[in-house]
Each structure stands twice: as C-alpha cells, then as structure tokens.
mmCIF file of all heavy atoms, coordinates in Angstrom:
data_MODEL
# 
_entry.id   MODEL 
# 
loop_
_atom_site.group_PDB 
_atom_site.id 
_atom_site.type_symbol 
_atom_site.label_atom_id 
_atom_site.label_alt_id 
_atom_site.label_comp_id 
_atom_site.label_asym_id 
_atom_site.label_entity_id 
_atom_site.label_seq_id 
_atom_site.pdbx_PDB_ins_code 
_atom_site.Cartn_x 
_atom_site.Cartn_y 
_atom_site.Cartn_z 
_atom_site.occupancy 
_atom_site.B_iso_or_equiv 
_atom_site.pdbx_formal_charge 
_atom_site.auth_seq_id 
_atom_site.auth_comp_id 
_atom_site.auth_asym_id 
_atom_site.auth_atom_id 
_atom_site.pdbx_PDB_model_num 
ATOM 1   N N   . ARG A 1 1  ? 69.213 -161.973 -39.634 1.00 0.00 ? 1  ARG A N   1 
ATOM 2   C CA  . ARG A 1 1  ? 68.834 -160.514 -39.265 1.00 0.00 ? 1  ARG A CA  1 
ATOM 3   C C   . ARG A 1 1  ? 69.172 -160.244 -37.829 1.00 0.00 ? 1  ARG A C   1 
ATOM 4   O O   . ARG A 1 1  ? 69.640 -159.177 -37.531 1.00 0.00 ? 1  ARG A O   1 
ATOM 5   C CB  . ARG A 1 1  ? 67.242 -160.400 -39.531 1.00 0.00 ? 1  ARG A CB  1 
ATOM 6   C CG  . ARG A 1 1  ? 66.815 -158.908 -39.153 1.00 0.00 ? 1  ARG A CG  1 
ATOM 7   C CD  . ARG A 1 1  ? 65.314 -158.690 -39.400 1.00 0.00 ? 1  ARG A CD  1 
ATOM 8   N NE  . ARG A 1 1  ? 64.806 -159.233 -40.508 1.00 0.00 ? 1  ARG A NE  1 
ATOM 9   C CZ  . ARG A 1 1  ? 63.989 -160.287 -40.613 1.00 0.00 ? 1  ARG A CZ  1 
ATOM 10  N NH1 . ARG A 1 1  ? 63.676 -160.978 -39.489 1.00 0.00 ? 1  ARG A NH1 1 
ATOM 11  N NH2 . ARG A 1 1  ? 63.475 -160.688 -41.714 1.00 0.00 ? 1  ARG A NH2 1 
ATOM 12  N N   . LYS A 1 2  ? 68.874 -161.109 -36.921 1.00 0.00 ? 2  LYS A N   1 
ATOM 13  C CA  . LYS A 1 2  ? 69.091 -160.867 -35.489 1.00 0.00 ? 2  LYS A CA  1 
ATOM 14  C C   . LYS A 1 2  ? 70.657 -160.663 -35.299 1.00 0.00 ? 2  LYS A C   1 
ATOM 15  O O   . LYS A 1 2  ? 71.083 -159.773 -34.497 1.00 0.00 ? 2  LYS A O   1 
ATOM 16  C CB  . LYS A 1 2  ? 68.620 -161.983 -34.659 1.00 0.00 ? 2  LYS A CB  1 
ATOM 17  C CG  . LYS A 1 2  ? 67.065 -162.033 -34.489 1.00 0.00 ? 2  LYS A CG  1 
ATOM 18  C CD  . LYS A 1 2  ? 66.659 -163.225 -33.747 1.00 0.00 ? 2  LYS A CD  1 
ATOM 19  C CE  . LYS A 1 2  ? 65.083 -163.397 -33.698 1.00 0.00 ? 2  LYS A CE  1 
ATOM 20  N NZ  . LYS A 1 2  ? 64.583 -164.549 -33.069 1.00 0.00 ? 2  LYS A NZ  1 
ATOM 21  N N   . GLU A 1 3  ? 71.475 -161.462 -35.911 1.00 0.00 ? 3  GLU A N   1 
ATOM 22  C CA  . GLU A 1 3  ? 72.905 -161.300 -35.758 1.00 0.00 ? 3  GLU A CA  1 
ATOM 23  C C   . GLU A 1 3  ? 73.358 -159.997 -36.284 1.00 0.00 ? 3  GLU A C   1 
ATOM 24  O O   . GLU A 1 3  ? 74.141 -159.279 -35.762 1.00 0.00 ? 3  GLU A O   1 
ATOM 25  C CB  . GLU A 1 3  ? 73.636 -162.525 -36.404 1.00 0.00 ? 3  GLU A CB  1 
ATOM 26  C CG  . GLU A 1 3  ? 75.111 -162.441 -36.277 1.00 0.00 ? 3  GLU A CG  1 
ATOM 27  C CD  . GLU A 1 3  ? 75.598 -162.410 -34.787 1.00 0.00 ? 3  GLU A CD  1 
ATOM 28  O OE1 . GLU A 1 3  ? 74.949 -162.942 -33.885 1.00 0.00 ? 3  GLU A OE1 1 
ATOM 29  O OE2 . GLU A 1 3  ? 76.638 -161.776 -34.529 1.00 0.00 ? 3  GLU A OE2 1 
ATOM 30  N N   . ARG A 1 4  ? 72.881 -159.673 -37.569 1.00 0.00 ? 4  ARG A N   1 
ATOM 31  C CA  . ARG A 1 4  ? 73.242 -158.341 -38.144 1.00 0.00 ? 4  ARG A CA  1 
ATOM 32  C C   . ARG A 1 4  ? 72.832 -157.115 -37.271 1.00 0.00 ? 4  ARG A C   1 
ATOM 33  O O   . ARG A 1 4  ? 73.615 -156.274 -36.994 1.00 0.00 ? 4  ARG A O   1 
ATOM 34  C CB  . ARG A 1 4  ? 72.590 -158.248 -39.583 1.00 0.00 ? 4  ARG A CB  1 
ATOM 35  C CG  . ARG A 1 4  ? 72.976 -156.872 -40.268 1.00 0.00 ? 4  ARG A CG  1 
ATOM 36  C CD  . ARG A 1 4  ? 72.257 -156.882 -41.596 1.00 0.00 ? 4  ARG A CD  1 
ATOM 37  N NE  . ARG A 1 4  ? 70.836 -156.960 -41.612 1.00 0.00 ? 4  ARG A NE  1 
ATOM 38  C CZ  . ARG A 1 4  ? 70.009 -155.937 -41.192 1.00 0.00 ? 4  ARG A CZ  1 
ATOM 39  N NH1 . ARG A 1 4  ? 70.429 -154.755 -40.824 1.00 0.00 ? 4  ARG A NH1 1 
ATOM 40  N NH2 . ARG A 1 4  ? 68.709 -156.088 -41.258 1.00 0.00 ? 4  ARG A NH2 1 
ATOM 41  N N   . GLN A 1 5  ? 71.622 -157.184 -36.742 1.00 0.00 ? 5  GLN A N   1 
ATOM 42  C CA  . GLN A 1 5  ? 71.143 -156.123 -35.865 1.00 0.00 ? 5  GLN A CA  1 
ATOM 43  C C   . GLN A 1 5  ? 71.889 -156.077 -34.545 1.00 0.00 ? 5  GLN A C   1 
ATOM 44  O O   . GLN A 1 5  ? 72.247 -155.010 -34.088 1.00 0.00 ? 5  GLN A O   1 
ATOM 45  C CB  . GLN A 1 5  ? 69.592 -156.204 -35.605 1.00 0.00 ? 5  GLN A CB  1 
ATOM 46  C CG  . GLN A 1 5  ? 68.807 -156.035 -36.852 1.00 0.00 ? 5  GLN A CG  1 
ATOM 47  C CD  . GLN A 1 5  ? 67.437 -156.299 -36.676 1.00 0.00 ? 5  GLN A CD  1 
ATOM 48  O OE1 . GLN A 1 5  ? 66.956 -156.989 -35.891 1.00 0.00 ? 5  GLN A OE1 1 
ATOM 49  N NE2 . GLN A 1 5  ? 66.592 -155.687 -37.645 1.00 0.00 ? 5  GLN A NE2 1 
ATOM 50  N N   . ALA A 1 6  ? 72.238 -157.301 -34.085 1.00 0.00 ? 6  ALA A N   1 
ATOM 51  C CA  . ALA A 1 6  ? 73.073 -157.335 -32.785 1.00 0.00 ? 6  ALA A CA  1 
ATOM 52  C C   . ALA A 1 6  ? 74.385 -156.687 -32.966 1.00 0.00 ? 6  ALA A C   1 
ATOM 53  O O   . ALA A 1 6  ? 74.981 -156.112 -32.072 1.00 0.00 ? 6  ALA A O   1 
ATOM 54  C CB  . ALA A 1 6  ? 73.158 -158.801 -32.332 1.00 0.00 ? 6  ALA A CB  1 
ATOM 55  N N   . GLN A 1 7  ? 74.958 -156.807 -34.147 1.00 0.00 ? 7  GLN A N   1 
ATOM 56  C CA  . GLN A 1 7  ? 76.260 -156.147 -34.514 1.00 0.00 ? 7  GLN A CA  1 
ATOM 57  C C   . GLN A 1 7  ? 76.071 -154.703 -34.943 1.00 0.00 ? 7  GLN A C   1 
ATOM 58  O O   . GLN A 1 7  ? 77.022 -154.063 -35.232 1.00 0.00 ? 7  GLN A O   1 
ATOM 59  C CB  . GLN A 1 7  ? 76.911 -156.983 -35.644 1.00 0.00 ? 7  GLN A CB  1 
ATOM 60  C CG  . GLN A 1 7  ? 77.350 -158.355 -35.181 1.00 0.00 ? 7  GLN A CG  1 
ATOM 61  C CD  . GLN A 1 7  ? 78.111 -159.084 -36.346 1.00 0.00 ? 7  GLN A CD  1 
ATOM 62  O OE1 . GLN A 1 7  ? 78.471 -158.526 -37.329 1.00 0.00 ? 7  GLN A OE1 1 
ATOM 63  N NE2 . GLN A 1 7  ? 78.246 -160.354 -36.174 1.00 0.00 ? 7  GLN A NE2 1 
ATOM 64  N N   . GLU A 1 8  ? 74.776 -154.235 -35.004 1.00 0.00 ? 8  GLU A N   1 
ATOM 65  C CA  . GLU A 1 8  ? 74.488 -152.863 -35.402 1.00 0.00 ? 8  GLU A CA  1 
ATOM 66  C C   . GLU A 1 8  ? 75.027 -152.571 -36.875 1.00 0.00 ? 8  GLU A C   1 
ATOM 67  O O   . GLU A 1 8  ? 75.685 -151.493 -36.955 1.00 0.00 ? 8  GLU A O   1 
ATOM 68  C CB  . GLU A 1 8  ? 74.956 -151.870 -34.381 1.00 0.00 ? 8  GLU A CB  1 
ATOM 69  C CG  . GLU A 1 8  ? 74.249 -152.066 -33.008 1.00 0.00 ? 8  GLU A CG  1 
ATOM 70  C CD  . GLU A 1 8  ? 74.730 -151.027 -32.009 1.00 0.00 ? 8  GLU A CD  1 
ATOM 71  O OE1 . GLU A 1 8  ? 75.626 -150.250 -32.205 1.00 0.00 ? 8  GLU A OE1 1 
ATOM 72  O OE2 . GLU A 1 8  ? 74.091 -151.018 -30.824 1.00 0.00 ? 8  GLU A OE2 1 
ATOM 73  N N   . ARG A 1 9  ? 74.831 -153.450 -37.714 1.00 0.00 ? 9  ARG A N   1 
ATOM 74  C CA  . ARG A 1 9  ? 75.357 -153.301 -39.050 1.00 0.00 ? 9  ARG A CA  1 
ATOM 75  C C   . ARG A 1 9  ? 74.149 -153.116 -40.057 1.00 0.00 ? 9  ARG A C   1 
ATOM 76  O O   . ARG A 1 9  ? 73.080 -153.704 -39.808 1.00 0.00 ? 9  ARG A O   1 
ATOM 77  C CB  . ARG A 1 9  ? 76.246 -154.517 -39.443 1.00 0.00 ? 9  ARG A CB  1 
ATOM 78  C CG  . ARG A 1 9  ? 77.444 -154.543 -38.701 1.00 0.00 ? 9  ARG A CG  1 
ATOM 79  C CD  . ARG A 1 9  ? 78.313 -155.729 -38.938 1.00 0.00 ? 9  ARG A CD  1 
ATOM 80  N NE  . ARG A 1 9  ? 78.870 -155.759 -40.306 1.00 0.00 ? 9  ARG A NE  1 
ATOM 81  C CZ  . ARG A 1 9  ? 79.492 -156.858 -40.770 1.00 0.00 ? 9  ARG A CZ  1 
ATOM 82  N NH1 . ARG A 1 9  ? 79.710 -157.920 -40.038 1.00 0.00 ? 9  ARG A NH1 1 
ATOM 83  N NH2 . ARG A 1 9  ? 79.912 -156.800 -42.010 1.00 0.00 ? 9  ARG A NH2 1 
ATOM 84  N N   . THR A 1 10 ? 74.364 -152.485 -41.117 1.00 0.00 ? 10 THR A N   1 
ATOM 85  C CA  . THR A 1 10 ? 73.356 -152.245 -42.098 1.00 0.00 ? 10 THR A CA  1 
ATOM 86  C C   . THR A 1 10 ? 73.345 -153.405 -43.138 1.00 0.00 ? 10 THR A C   1 
ATOM 87  O O   . THR A 1 10 ? 74.331 -154.169 -43.221 1.00 0.00 ? 10 THR A O   1 
ATOM 88  C CB  . THR A 1 10 ? 73.627 -150.992 -42.964 1.00 0.00 ? 10 THR A CB  1 
ATOM 89  O OG1 . THR A 1 10 ? 74.780 -151.133 -43.648 1.00 0.00 ? 10 THR A OG1 1 
ATOM 90  C CG2 . THR A 1 10 ? 73.692 -149.732 -41.975 1.00 0.00 ? 10 THR A CG2 1 
ATOM 91  N N   . LEU A 1 11 ? 72.251 -153.550 -43.845 1.00 0.00 ? 11 LEU A N   1 
ATOM 92  C CA  . LEU A 1 11 ? 72.101 -154.498 -44.925 1.00 0.00 ? 11 LEU A CA  1 
ATOM 93  C C   . LEU A 1 11 ? 73.180 -154.281 -45.917 1.00 0.00 ? 11 LEU A C   1 
ATOM 94  O O   . LEU A 1 11 ? 73.847 -155.293 -46.339 1.00 0.00 ? 11 LEU A O   1 
ATOM 95  C CB  . LEU A 1 11 ? 70.682 -154.426 -45.537 1.00 0.00 ? 11 LEU A CB  1 
ATOM 96  C CG  . LEU A 1 11 ? 69.600 -155.205 -45.095 1.00 0.00 ? 11 LEU A CG  1 
ATOM 97  C CD1 . LEU A 1 11 ? 68.281 -154.977 -45.736 1.00 0.00 ? 11 LEU A CD1 1 
ATOM 98  C CD2 . LEU A 1 11 ? 69.892 -156.774 -45.443 1.00 0.00 ? 11 LEU A CD2 1 
ATOM 99  N N   . LYS A 1 12 ? 73.397 -153.062 -46.212 1.00 0.00 ? 12 LYS A N   1 
ATOM 100 C CA  . LYS A 1 12 ? 74.388 -152.736 -47.279 1.00 0.00 ? 12 LYS A CA  1 
ATOM 101 C C   . LYS A 1 12 ? 75.760 -153.138 -46.890 1.00 0.00 ? 12 LYS A C   1 
ATOM 102 O O   . LYS A 1 12 ? 76.546 -153.707 -47.723 1.00 0.00 ? 12 LYS A O   1 
ATOM 103 C CB  . LYS A 1 12 ? 74.431 -151.244 -47.568 1.00 0.00 ? 12 LYS A CB  1 
ATOM 104 C CG  . LYS A 1 12 ? 75.406 -150.808 -48.657 1.00 0.00 ? 12 LYS A CG  1 
ATOM 105 C CD  . LYS A 1 12 ? 75.244 -149.371 -49.062 1.00 0.00 ? 12 LYS A CD  1 
ATOM 106 C CE  . LYS A 1 12 ? 76.197 -148.945 -50.157 1.00 0.00 ? 12 LYS A CE  1 
ATOM 107 N NZ  . LYS A 1 12 ? 76.964 -149.877 -50.888 1.00 0.00 ? 12 LYS A NZ  1 
ATOM 108 N N   . ASP A 1 13 ? 76.218 -152.906 -45.633 1.00 0.00 ? 13 ASP A N   1 
ATOM 109 C CA  . ASP A 1 13 ? 77.531 -153.307 -45.095 1.00 0.00 ? 13 ASP A CA  1 
ATOM 110 C C   . ASP A 1 13 ? 77.650 -154.822 -45.182 1.00 0.00 ? 13 ASP A C   1 
ATOM 111 O O   . ASP A 1 13 ? 78.761 -155.341 -45.705 1.00 0.00 ? 13 ASP A O   1 
ATOM 112 C CB  . ASP A 1 13 ? 77.644 -152.816 -43.657 1.00 0.00 ? 13 ASP A CB  1 
ATOM 113 C CG  . ASP A 1 13 ? 78.866 -153.232 -43.024 1.00 0.00 ? 13 ASP A CG  1 
ATOM 114 O OD1 . ASP A 1 13 ? 79.945 -153.189 -43.710 1.00 0.00 ? 13 ASP A OD1 1 
ATOM 115 O OD2 . ASP A 1 13 ? 78.892 -153.592 -41.881 1.00 0.00 ? 13 ASP A OD2 1 
ATOM 116 N N   . VAL A 1 14 ? 76.749 -155.602 -44.738 1.00 0.00 ? 14 VAL A N   1 
ATOM 117 C CA  . VAL A 1 14 ? 76.841 -156.970 -44.770 1.00 0.00 ? 14 VAL A CA  1 
ATOM 118 C C   . VAL A 1 14 ? 76.715 -157.609 -46.165 1.00 0.00 ? 14 VAL A C   1 
ATOM 119 O O   . VAL A 1 14 ? 77.541 -158.478 -46.475 1.00 0.00 ? 14 VAL A O   1 
ATOM 120 C CB  . VAL A 1 14 ? 75.774 -157.683 -43.818 1.00 0.00 ? 14 VAL A CB  1 
ATOM 121 C CG1 . VAL A 1 14 ? 75.694 -159.192 -44.018 1.00 0.00 ? 14 VAL A CG1 1 
ATOM 122 C CG2 . VAL A 1 14 ? 75.963 -157.232 -42.426 1.00 0.00 ? 14 VAL A CG2 1 
ATOM 123 N N   . ALA A 1 15 ? 75.903 -157.087 -46.936 1.00 0.00 ? 15 ALA A N   1 
ATOM 124 C CA  . ALA A 1 15 ? 75.770 -157.501 -48.352 1.00 0.00 ? 15 ALA A CA  1 
ATOM 125 C C   . ALA A 1 15 ? 77.153 -157.227 -49.144 1.00 0.00 ? 15 ALA A C   1 
ATOM 126 O O   . ALA A 1 15 ? 77.597 -158.116 -49.835 1.00 0.00 ? 15 ALA A O   1 
ATOM 127 C CB  . ALA A 1 15 ? 74.669 -156.818 -49.083 1.00 0.00 ? 15 ALA A CB  1 
ATOM 128 N N   . ASP A 1 16 ? 77.659 -156.109 -48.928 1.00 0.00 ? 16 ASP A N   1 
ATOM 129 C CA  . ASP A 1 16 ? 78.992 -155.776 -49.569 1.00 0.00 ? 16 ASP A CA  1 
ATOM 130 C C   . ASP A 1 16 ? 80.113 -156.678 -49.075 1.00 0.00 ? 16 ASP A C   1 
ATOM 131 O O   . ASP A 1 16 ? 80.853 -157.221 -49.925 1.00 0.00 ? 16 ASP A O   1 
ATOM 132 C CB  . ASP A 1 16 ? 79.444 -154.316 -49.280 1.00 0.00 ? 16 ASP A CB  1 
ATOM 133 C CG  . ASP A 1 16 ? 78.558 -153.307 -50.018 1.00 0.00 ? 16 ASP A CG  1 
ATOM 134 O OD1 . ASP A 1 16 ? 77.785 -153.655 -50.956 1.00 0.00 ? 16 ASP A OD1 1 
ATOM 135 O OD2 . ASP A 1 16 ? 78.622 -152.085 -49.686 1.00 0.00 ? 16 ASP A OD2 1 
ATOM 136 N N   . ALA A 1 17 ? 80.107 -156.981 -47.841 1.00 0.00 ? 17 ALA A N   1 
ATOM 137 C CA  . ALA A 1 17 ? 81.134 -157.888 -47.282 1.00 0.00 ? 17 ALA A CA  1 
ATOM 138 C C   . ALA A 1 17 ? 80.980 -159.336 -47.733 1.00 0.00 ? 17 ALA A C   1 
ATOM 139 O O   . ALA A 1 17 ? 81.910 -160.018 -48.016 1.00 0.00 ? 17 ALA A O   1 
ATOM 140 C CB  . ALA A 1 17 ? 81.083 -157.814 -45.732 1.00 0.00 ? 17 ALA A CB  1 
ATOM 141 N N   . ALA A 1 18 ? 79.678 -159.661 -47.958 1.00 0.00 ? 18 ALA A N   1 
ATOM 142 C CA  . ALA A 1 18 ? 79.335 -161.065 -48.393 1.00 0.00 ? 18 ALA A CA  1 
ATOM 143 C C   . ALA A 1 18 ? 79.397 -161.148 -49.972 1.00 0.00 ? 18 ALA A C   1 
ATOM 144 O O   . ALA A 1 18 ? 79.425 -162.275 -50.506 1.00 0.00 ? 18 ALA A O   1 
ATOM 145 C CB  . ALA A 1 18 ? 78.011 -161.404 -47.973 1.00 0.00 ? 18 ALA A CB  1 
ATOM 146 N N   . ARG A 1 19 ? 79.508 -159.989 -50.632 1.00 0.00 ? 19 ARG A N   1 
ATOM 147 C CA  . ARG A 1 19 ? 79.555 -159.924 -52.071 1.00 0.00 ? 19 ARG A CA  1 
ATOM 148 C C   . ARG A 1 19 ? 78.252 -160.467 -52.739 1.00 0.00 ? 19 ARG A C   1 
ATOM 149 O O   . ARG A 1 19 ? 78.337 -161.241 -53.681 1.00 0.00 ? 19 ARG A O   1 
ATOM 150 C CB  . ARG A 1 19 ? 80.791 -160.594 -52.596 1.00 0.00 ? 19 ARG A CB  1 
ATOM 151 C CG  . ARG A 1 19 ? 82.102 -159.955 -52.108 1.00 0.00 ? 19 ARG A CG  1 
ATOM 152 C CD  . ARG A 1 19 ? 83.294 -160.497 -52.714 1.00 0.00 ? 19 ARG A CD  1 
ATOM 153 N NE  . ARG A 1 19 ? 83.260 -159.947 -54.147 1.00 0.00 ? 19 ARG A NE  1 
ATOM 154 C CZ  . ARG A 1 19 ? 84.182 -160.276 -55.036 1.00 0.00 ? 19 ARG A CZ  1 
ATOM 155 N NH1 . ARG A 1 19 ? 85.166 -161.056 -54.715 1.00 0.00 ? 19 ARG A NH1 1 
ATOM 156 N NH2 . ARG A 1 19 ? 84.090 -159.759 -56.273 1.00 0.00 ? 19 ARG A NH2 1 
ATOM 157 N N   . ILE A 1 20 ? 77.183 -160.104 -52.124 1.00 0.00 ? 20 ILE A N   1 
ATOM 158 C CA  . ILE A 1 20 ? 75.844 -160.418 -52.581 1.00 0.00 ? 20 ILE A CA  1 
ATOM 159 C C   . ILE A 1 20 ? 75.015 -159.131 -52.633 1.00 0.00 ? 20 ILE A C   1 
ATOM 160 O O   . ILE A 1 20 ? 75.442 -158.154 -51.943 1.00 0.00 ? 20 ILE A O   1 
ATOM 161 C CB  . ILE A 1 20 ? 75.078 -161.525 -51.793 1.00 0.00 ? 20 ILE A CB  1 
ATOM 162 C CG1 . ILE A 1 20 ? 74.977 -161.117 -50.307 1.00 0.00 ? 20 ILE A CG1 1 
ATOM 163 C CG2 . ILE A 1 20 ? 75.789 -162.883 -51.905 1.00 0.00 ? 20 ILE A CG2 1 
ATOM 164 C CD1 . ILE A 1 20 ? 74.205 -162.121 -49.447 1.00 0.00 ? 20 ILE A CD1 1 
ATOM 165 N N   . SER A 1 21 ? 73.985 -159.097 -53.424 1.00 0.00 ? 21 SER A N   1 
ATOM 166 C CA  . SER A 1 21 ? 73.284 -157.820 -53.567 1.00 0.00 ? 21 SER A CA  1 
ATOM 167 C C   . SER A 1 21 ? 72.503 -157.522 -52.331 1.00 0.00 ? 21 SER A C   1 
ATOM 168 O O   . SER A 1 21 ? 71.973 -158.498 -51.657 1.00 0.00 ? 21 SER A O   1 
ATOM 169 C CB  . SER A 1 21 ? 72.360 -157.883 -54.793 1.00 0.00 ? 21 SER A CB  1 
ATOM 170 O OG  . SER A 1 21 ? 71.197 -158.638 -54.548 1.00 0.00 ? 21 SER A OG  1 
ATOM 171 N N   . MET A 1 22 ? 72.333 -156.275 -52.045 1.00 0.00 ? 22 MET A N   1 
ATOM 172 C CA  . MET A 1 22 ? 71.546 -155.838 -50.824 1.00 0.00 ? 22 MET A CA  1 
ATOM 173 C C   . MET A 1 22 ? 70.068 -156.304 -50.924 1.00 0.00 ? 22 MET A C   1 
ATOM 174 O O   . MET A 1 22 ? 69.535 -156.867 -50.017 1.00 0.00 ? 22 MET A O   1 
ATOM 175 C CB  . MET A 1 22 ? 71.656 -154.317 -50.636 1.00 0.00 ? 22 MET A CB  1 
ATOM 176 C CG  . MET A 1 22 ? 71.053 -153.957 -49.299 1.00 0.00 ? 22 MET A CG  1 
ATOM 177 S SD  . MET A 1 22 ? 71.216 -152.127 -48.984 1.00 0.00 ? 22 MET A SD  1 
ATOM 178 C CE  . MET A 1 22 ? 70.118 -151.486 -50.315 1.00 0.00 ? 22 MET A CE  1 
ATOM 179 N N   . PRO A 1 23 ? 69.383 -156.150 -52.094 1.00 0.00 ? 23 PRO A N   1 
ATOM 180 C CA  . PRO A 1 23 ? 68.003 -156.587 -52.123 1.00 0.00 ? 23 PRO A CA  1 
ATOM 181 C C   . PRO A 1 23 ? 67.837 -158.116 -51.917 1.00 0.00 ? 23 PRO A C   1 
ATOM 182 O O   . PRO A 1 23 ? 66.939 -158.617 -51.291 1.00 0.00 ? 23 PRO A O   1 
ATOM 183 C CB  . PRO A 1 23 ? 67.530 -156.190 -53.586 1.00 0.00 ? 23 PRO A CB  1 
ATOM 184 C CG  . PRO A 1 23 ? 68.409 -155.111 -53.943 1.00 0.00 ? 23 PRO A CG  1 
ATOM 185 C CD  . PRO A 1 23 ? 69.806 -155.348 -53.299 1.00 0.00 ? 23 PRO A CD  1 
ATOM 186 N N   . TYR A 1 24 ? 68.829 -158.852 -52.446 1.00 0.00 ? 24 TYR A N   1 
ATOM 187 C CA  . TYR A 1 24 ? 68.842 -160.284 -52.283 1.00 0.00 ? 24 TYR A CA  1 
ATOM 188 C C   . TYR A 1 24 ? 69.014 -160.776 -50.734 1.00 0.00 ? 24 TYR A C   1 
ATOM 189 O O   . TYR A 1 24 ? 68.331 -161.615 -50.281 1.00 0.00 ? 24 TYR A O   1 
ATOM 190 C CB  . TYR A 1 24 ? 69.898 -161.063 -53.156 1.00 0.00 ? 24 TYR A CB  1 
ATOM 191 C CG  . TYR A 1 24 ? 69.687 -162.560 -53.143 1.00 0.00 ? 24 TYR A CG  1 
ATOM 192 C CD1 . TYR A 1 24 ? 68.636 -163.115 -53.926 1.00 0.00 ? 24 TYR A CD1 1 
ATOM 193 C CD2 . TYR A 1 24 ? 70.548 -163.371 -52.410 1.00 0.00 ? 24 TYR A CD2 1 
ATOM 194 C CE1 . TYR A 1 24 ? 68.457 -164.481 -53.859 1.00 0.00 ? 24 TYR A CE1 1 
ATOM 195 C CE2 . TYR A 1 24 ? 70.371 -164.785 -52.452 1.00 0.00 ? 24 TYR A CE2 1 
ATOM 196 C CZ  . TYR A 1 24 ? 69.312 -165.330 -53.121 1.00 0.00 ? 24 TYR A CZ  1 
ATOM 197 O OH  . TYR A 1 24 ? 69.111 -166.656 -53.156 1.00 0.00 ? 24 TYR A OH  1 
ATOM 198 N N   . LEU A 1 25 ? 69.931 -160.070 -50.148 1.00 0.00 ? 25 LEU A N   1 
ATOM 199 C CA  . LEU A 1 25 ? 70.120 -160.339 -48.729 1.00 0.00 ? 25 LEU A CA  1 
ATOM 200 C C   . LEU A 1 25 ? 68.862 -159.984 -47.931 1.00 0.00 ? 25 LEU A C   1 
ATOM 201 O O   . LEU A 1 25 ? 68.500 -160.698 -46.990 1.00 0.00 ? 25 LEU A O   1 
ATOM 202 C CB  . LEU A 1 25 ? 71.401 -159.511 -48.125 1.00 0.00 ? 25 LEU A CB  1 
ATOM 203 C CG  . LEU A 1 25 ? 71.606 -159.712 -46.668 1.00 0.00 ? 25 LEU A CG  1 
ATOM 204 C CD1 . LEU A 1 25 ? 71.844 -161.213 -46.357 1.00 0.00 ? 25 LEU A CD1 1 
ATOM 205 C CD2 . LEU A 1 25 ? 72.754 -158.869 -46.198 1.00 0.00 ? 25 LEU A CD2 1 
ATOM 206 N N   . SER A 1 26 ? 68.194 -158.917 -48.338 1.00 0.00 ? 26 SER A N   1 
ATOM 207 C CA  . SER A 1 26 ? 67.016 -158.567 -47.652 1.00 0.00 ? 26 SER A CA  1 
ATOM 208 C C   . SER A 1 26 ? 65.878 -159.553 -47.832 1.00 0.00 ? 26 SER A C   1 
ATOM 209 O O   . SER A 1 26 ? 65.191 -160.011 -46.918 1.00 0.00 ? 26 SER A O   1 
ATOM 210 C CB  . SER A 1 26 ? 66.396 -157.187 -48.214 1.00 0.00 ? 26 SER A CB  1 
ATOM 211 O OG  . SER A 1 26 ? 65.235 -156.890 -47.702 1.00 0.00 ? 26 SER A OG  1 
ATOM 212 N N   . GLU A 1 27 ? 65.852 -160.153 -49.092 1.00 0.00 ? 27 GLU A N   1 
ATOM 213 C CA  . GLU A 1 27 ? 64.819 -161.209 -49.301 1.00 0.00 ? 27 GLU A CA  1 
ATOM 214 C C   . GLU A 1 27 ? 65.166 -162.399 -48.534 1.00 0.00 ? 27 GLU A C   1 
ATOM 215 O O   . GLU A 1 27 ? 64.289 -163.113 -47.998 1.00 0.00 ? 27 GLU A O   1 
ATOM 216 C CB  . GLU A 1 27 ? 64.865 -161.537 -50.820 1.00 0.00 ? 27 GLU A CB  1 
ATOM 217 C CG  . GLU A 1 27 ? 64.303 -160.408 -51.655 1.00 0.00 ? 27 GLU A CG  1 
ATOM 218 C CD  . GLU A 1 27 ? 62.706 -160.246 -51.580 1.00 0.00 ? 27 GLU A CD  1 
ATOM 219 O OE1 . GLU A 1 27 ? 62.055 -161.221 -52.013 1.00 0.00 ? 27 GLU A OE1 1 
ATOM 220 O OE2 . GLU A 1 27 ? 62.357 -159.192 -51.179 1.00 0.00 ? 27 GLU A OE2 1 
# 
C-alpha cells in the first residue's frame, strides 16, 4: 500500500497491471 500510494496509483491501476482483482488486492 505504501509503495502504491508513493507512486500515486490507484488500486484499480495496480490490480489491472498485476492481473488480479481489485477487491483481492485491497484485501
């Protein structure tokens, strides 16, 4: 979470790039 926020990226953006669901990444 800290790295994602430091890059100013959204959960959706990172989840899409990682090819995992956004709710799962949030969990």
